[in-house]
Amino acid sequence: MARYRGPVCRLCRREGIKLFLKGDRCYKPSCPIEKRGTYPPGQHGRDAKRGKLTGYGEQLREKQKVKRMYGMLEGQFKNYFEKASRQRGIVGENLLFLLERRLDNVVYRIGFATSRAHARQLVNHGHVRVNNKKVNIPSFQVRVGDVISIKEESASNPIILQSFETAVGRGRPSWLEVENRNILAARVVALPKREDITQPINEQMIVELYSK
C-alpha cells in the first residue's frame, strides 16, 4: 500500500501542533516544534503568516491533521468516513473510534511502539499476536475481549521493552488494560470513548467537509 515516506516532522509544523509521529523524539527538546516553533516548514516558513482560516480551509486542515496523525492516505481515510456514516451514532465519533480500534493504533496505545508508524512496522513484520494468533494487518479492528501481545521471540527486543516501560508516562487509555506488567500483553476491556482521545480534534469539521 502507498504510504507517505517524506520527513514527518514537517507535517507537525504544517499543522501547527505535535502529531507525535517521531516517537520519543517528540517528547525531547530536539523536537523541531520545540526548537523552531510552529511556523510552516520550508525556506520561507518563518516569514509566512498563518492567516485565519475560515470555512473550507479550517475543515481541510482538521481532516489533514487527523489523517496524518493516524498515518492514512486520502482514499483509505475517506473509506473510514463512509463506513462511519453507515453506523449508528454520531458520525464524527464513529470515525475516531474506527481509527482508534485499528491494530497498529492499539499497539501504539498499549505502548509496544513509540509511534503509530513503528507500531505498523511491528504488525507488518509479524511481531504482534491477537488472541495468540499472528495478525499482520495494521487495519485489523480489535474487539472487546481481544488480547494483544508481542510474540515470545520478540518479547526481549530492547526497543519494544523500553517503549513499554515508558508508556506509562505517555498515558494508556482506560479501554486497554495491562493485567501483568511482566508480560507484554494487554486486553481490550471496552470500546473507546470520546474522552479517551485527548489530542485536540474537532471531528465535526471533518463531517462537514465530506458532507459538502
Protein backbone atom coordinates (compact mmCIF):
# COMPACT_ATOMS: atom_id res chain seq x y z
CA MET A 1 0.00 0.00 0.00
CA ALA A 2 1.22 3.52 -0.77
CA ARG A 3 2.50 5.41 2.22
CA TYR A 4 3.91 8.89 2.88
CA ARG A 5 7.67 8.46 3.16
CA GLY A 6 8.84 12.06 3.42
CA PRO A 7 10.04 13.93 6.53
CA VAL A 8 7.33 13.61 9.17
CA CYS A 9 8.37 16.50 11.42
CA ARG A 10 7.39 18.96 8.68
CA LEU A 11 3.85 17.54 8.88
CA CYS A 12 3.60 18.60 12.53
CA ARG A 13 4.90 22.06 11.67
CA ARG A 14 2.44 22.31 8.79
CA GLU A 15 -0.47 21.60 11.14
CA GLY A 16 0.98 23.78 13.89
CA ILE A 17 0.82 21.09 16.62
CA LYS A 18 2.62 17.93 17.62
CA LEU A 19 1.18 14.88 15.89
CA PHE A 20 3.61 12.54 17.71
CA LEU A 21 4.88 10.92 14.52
CA LYS A 22 8.53 10.56 15.52
CA GLY A 23 8.32 8.50 18.68
CA ASP A 24 10.44 9.50 21.67
CA ARG A 25 11.90 12.50 19.83
CA CYS A 26 8.52 14.23 20.11
CA TYR A 27 8.97 14.36 23.89
CA LYS A 28 12.51 15.77 23.78
CA PRO A 29 13.90 19.30 23.28
CA SER A 30 15.21 18.12 19.89
CA CYS A 31 11.64 18.09 18.56
CA PRO A 32 11.55 20.61 15.67
CA ILE A 33 8.43 22.27 17.07
CA GLU A 34 10.30 22.86 20.34
CA LYS A 35 13.38 24.16 18.51
CA ARG A 36 11.82 26.10 15.64
CA GLY A 37 8.28 26.86 16.75
CA THR A 38 5.08 26.20 14.85
CA TYR A 39 5.75 28.30 11.74
CA PRO A 40 5.28 26.38 8.46
CA PRO A 41 8.16 24.33 7.02
CA GLY A 42 10.17 25.47 4.03
CA GLN A 43 12.69 28.14 3.15
CA HIS A 44 10.29 30.99 3.79
CA GLY A 45 8.32 29.35 6.56
CA ARG A 46 9.47 31.74 9.27
CA ASP A 47 8.28 34.71 7.23
CA ALA A 48 4.98 33.09 6.26
CA LYS A 49 1.93 34.36 8.07
CA ARG A 50 -0.73 31.94 9.21
CA GLY A 51 -3.85 33.76 8.17
CA LYS A 52 -7.05 32.98 9.98
CA LEU A 53 -8.71 30.14 8.12
CA THR A 54 -12.44 30.13 7.61
CA GLY A 55 -14.94 27.58 6.37
CA TYR A 56 -13.42 25.11 3.94
CA GLY A 57 -9.84 25.92 4.96
CA GLU A 58 -10.47 25.05 8.63
CA GLN A 59 -12.27 21.85 7.68
CA LEU A 60 -9.48 20.79 5.33
CA ARG A 61 -6.76 21.41 7.90
CA GLU A 62 -8.68 19.40 10.53
CA LYS A 63 -9.06 16.48 8.14
CA GLN A 64 -5.38 16.62 7.16
CA LYS A 65 -4.36 16.73 10.82
CA VAL A 66 -6.31 13.60 11.78
CA LYS A 67 -5.35 11.77 8.58
CA ARG A 68 -1.67 12.40 9.23
CA MET A 69 -1.97 11.62 12.92
CA TYR A 70 -3.18 8.10 12.15
CA GLY A 71 -0.95 7.62 9.10
CA MET A 72 -3.67 7.46 6.46
CA LEU A 73 -3.74 8.41 2.81
CA GLU A 74 -6.81 10.11 1.38
CA GLY A 75 -8.57 7.09 -0.13
CA GLN A 76 -8.23 4.97 2.98
CA PHE A 77 -9.32 7.81 5.26
CA LYS A 78 -12.40 8.50 3.14
CA ASN A 79 -13.33 4.80 3.27
CA TYR A 80 -13.29 5.01 7.07
CA PHE A 81 -15.56 8.05 6.93
CA GLU A 82 -18.03 6.29 4.67
CA LYS A 83 -18.08 3.28 6.98
CA ALA A 84 -18.61 5.57 9.98
CA SER A 85 -21.50 7.30 8.24
CA ARG A 86 -23.30 3.96 7.84
CA GLN A 87 -23.09 3.17 11.54
CA ARG A 88 -25.49 4.27 14.24
CA GLY A 89 -24.47 7.20 16.40
CA ILE A 90 -22.52 10.39 15.79
CA VAL A 91 -20.60 10.11 12.52
CA GLY A 92 -17.53 12.05 13.66
CA GLU A 93 -17.14 9.99 16.81
CA ASN A 94 -17.71 6.77 14.88
CA LEU A 95 -14.83 7.78 12.60
CA LEU A 96 -12.46 8.33 15.52
CA PHE A 97 -13.50 5.05 17.15
CA LEU A 98 -12.77 3.12 13.95
CA LEU A 99 -9.32 4.73 13.76
CA GLU A 100 -8.64 4.02 17.44
CA ARG A 101 -9.54 0.34 17.04
CA ARG A 102 -7.03 -0.23 14.25
CA LEU A 103 -4.48 -2.80 15.39
CA ASP A 104 -1.49 -0.55 14.66
CA ASN A 105 -3.03 2.22 16.77
CA VAL A 106 -3.80 -0.22 19.60
CA VAL A 107 -0.20 -1.49 19.58
CA TYR A 108 0.93 2.13 19.86
CA ARG A 109 -1.59 3.00 22.57
CA ILE A 110 -0.60 -0.02 24.67
CA GLY A 111 3.00 1.11 24.47
CA PHE A 112 4.67 -1.61 22.43
CA ALA A 113 5.78 1.08 19.96
CA THR A 114 6.80 4.72 20.28
CA SER A 115 4.78 5.88 17.27
CA ARG A 116 2.00 4.60 15.04
CA ALA A 117 4.49 4.16 12.19
CA HIS A 118 6.66 1.98 14.44
CA ALA A 119 3.55 0.04 15.52
CA ARG A 120 2.57 -0.53 11.89
CA GLN A 121 6.02 -1.93 11.22
CA LEU A 122 5.72 -4.35 14.16
CA VAL A 123 2.37 -5.58 12.85
CA ASN A 124 3.57 -5.89 9.24
CA HIS A 125 6.62 -7.90 10.31
CA GLY A 126 4.55 -10.39 12.31
CA HIS A 127 5.62 -9.43 15.84
CA VAL A 128 2.05 -8.94 17.11
CA ARG A 129 -0.46 -11.55 18.27
CA VAL A 130 -4.21 -11.17 18.74
CA ASN A 131 -5.59 -13.90 20.99
CA ASN A 132 -2.32 -15.81 20.44
CA LYS A 133 -2.72 -15.74 16.66
CA LYS A 134 -0.46 -13.78 14.32
CA VAL A 135 -2.20 -10.83 12.71
CA ASN A 136 -0.10 -8.81 10.26
CA ILE A 137 -2.84 -6.48 9.02
CA PRO A 138 -2.45 -2.98 10.54
CA SER A 139 -6.09 -2.07 9.79
CA PHE A 140 -7.45 -5.09 11.70
CA GLN A 141 -10.26 -3.91 14.01
CA VAL A 142 -9.88 -5.14 17.59
CA ARG A 143 -12.93 -6.12 19.64
CA VAL A 144 -13.76 -6.17 23.32
CA GLY A 145 -12.10 -9.17 24.92
CA ASP A 146 -9.20 -9.37 22.46
CA VAL A 147 -5.75 -9.85 23.99
CA ILE A 148 -2.97 -8.05 22.13
CA SER A 149 0.55 -9.34 22.77
CA ILE A 150 4.06 -9.50 21.37
CA LYS A 151 5.22 -12.87 20.13
CA GLU A 152 7.53 -14.72 22.51
CA GLU A 153 10.60 -14.47 20.27
CA SER A 154 10.30 -10.65 20.17
CA ALA A 155 9.45 -10.11 23.84
CA SER A 156 13.10 -9.43 24.70
CA ASN A 157 13.58 -6.81 21.99
CA PRO A 158 15.13 -3.82 23.84
CA ILE A 159 13.28 -1.23 21.72
CA ILE A 160 9.90 -2.81 22.47
CA LEU A 161 10.76 -3.24 26.16
CA GLN A 162 11.91 0.37 26.54
CA SER A 163 8.80 1.65 24.79
CA PHE A 164 6.57 -0.47 27.03
CA GLU A 165 8.31 0.77 30.18
CA THR A 166 7.97 4.43 29.23
CA ALA A 167 4.36 4.13 28.02
CA VAL A 168 3.01 4.94 31.48
CA GLY A 169 4.39 8.46 31.16
CA ARG A 170 2.72 8.88 27.76
CA GLY A 171 -0.56 7.53 29.14
CA ARG A 172 -2.66 4.50 28.25
CA PRO A 173 -6.39 4.81 27.55
CA SER A 174 -8.83 3.25 30.01
CA TRP A 175 -10.22 0.83 27.40
CA LEU A 176 -6.90 -1.03 27.28
CA GLU A 177 -5.77 -2.90 30.38
CA VAL A 178 -2.32 -4.31 31.13
CA GLU A 179 -3.00 -7.16 33.55
CA ASN A 180 0.61 -8.11 34.23
CA ARG A 181 3.44 -5.66 33.59
CA ASN A 182 5.93 -8.54 33.35
CA ILE A 183 4.13 -9.86 30.28
CA LEU A 184 3.93 -7.86 27.05
CA ALA A 185 0.16 -8.19 26.67
CA ALA A 186 -2.96 -6.08 27.16
CA ARG A 187 -6.69 -6.73 26.92
CA VAL A 188 -9.35 -4.66 25.20
CA VAL A 189 -11.77 -4.24 28.12
CA ALA A 190 -14.17 -1.77 26.47
CA LEU A 191 -14.78 0.19 23.31
CA PRO A 192 -13.03 3.57 23.11
CA LYS A 193 -14.93 6.65 24.28
CA ARG A 194 -14.60 10.20 23.04
CA GLU A 195 -12.84 11.31 26.23
CA ASP A 196 -10.12 8.71 25.63
CA ILE A 197 -8.90 10.73 22.63
CA THR A 198 -7.10 13.60 24.27
CA GLN A 199 -5.45 15.29 21.29
CA PRO A 200 -7.26 18.41 20.03
CA ILE A 201 -9.58 17.12 17.30
CA ASN A 202 -12.76 18.72 16.01
CA GLU A 203 -14.29 15.77 14.19
CA GLN A 204 -17.44 17.72 13.27
CA MET A 205 -15.35 19.78 10.84
CA ILE A 206 -14.36 16.58 9.03
CA VAL A 207 -18.01 15.57 8.79
CA GLU A 208 -18.91 18.97 7.35
CA LEU A 209 -16.05 18.74 4.82
CA TYR A 210 -17.10 15.35 3.47
CA SER A 211 -20.77 16.33 3.52
CA LYS A 212 -20.34 19.15 1.00
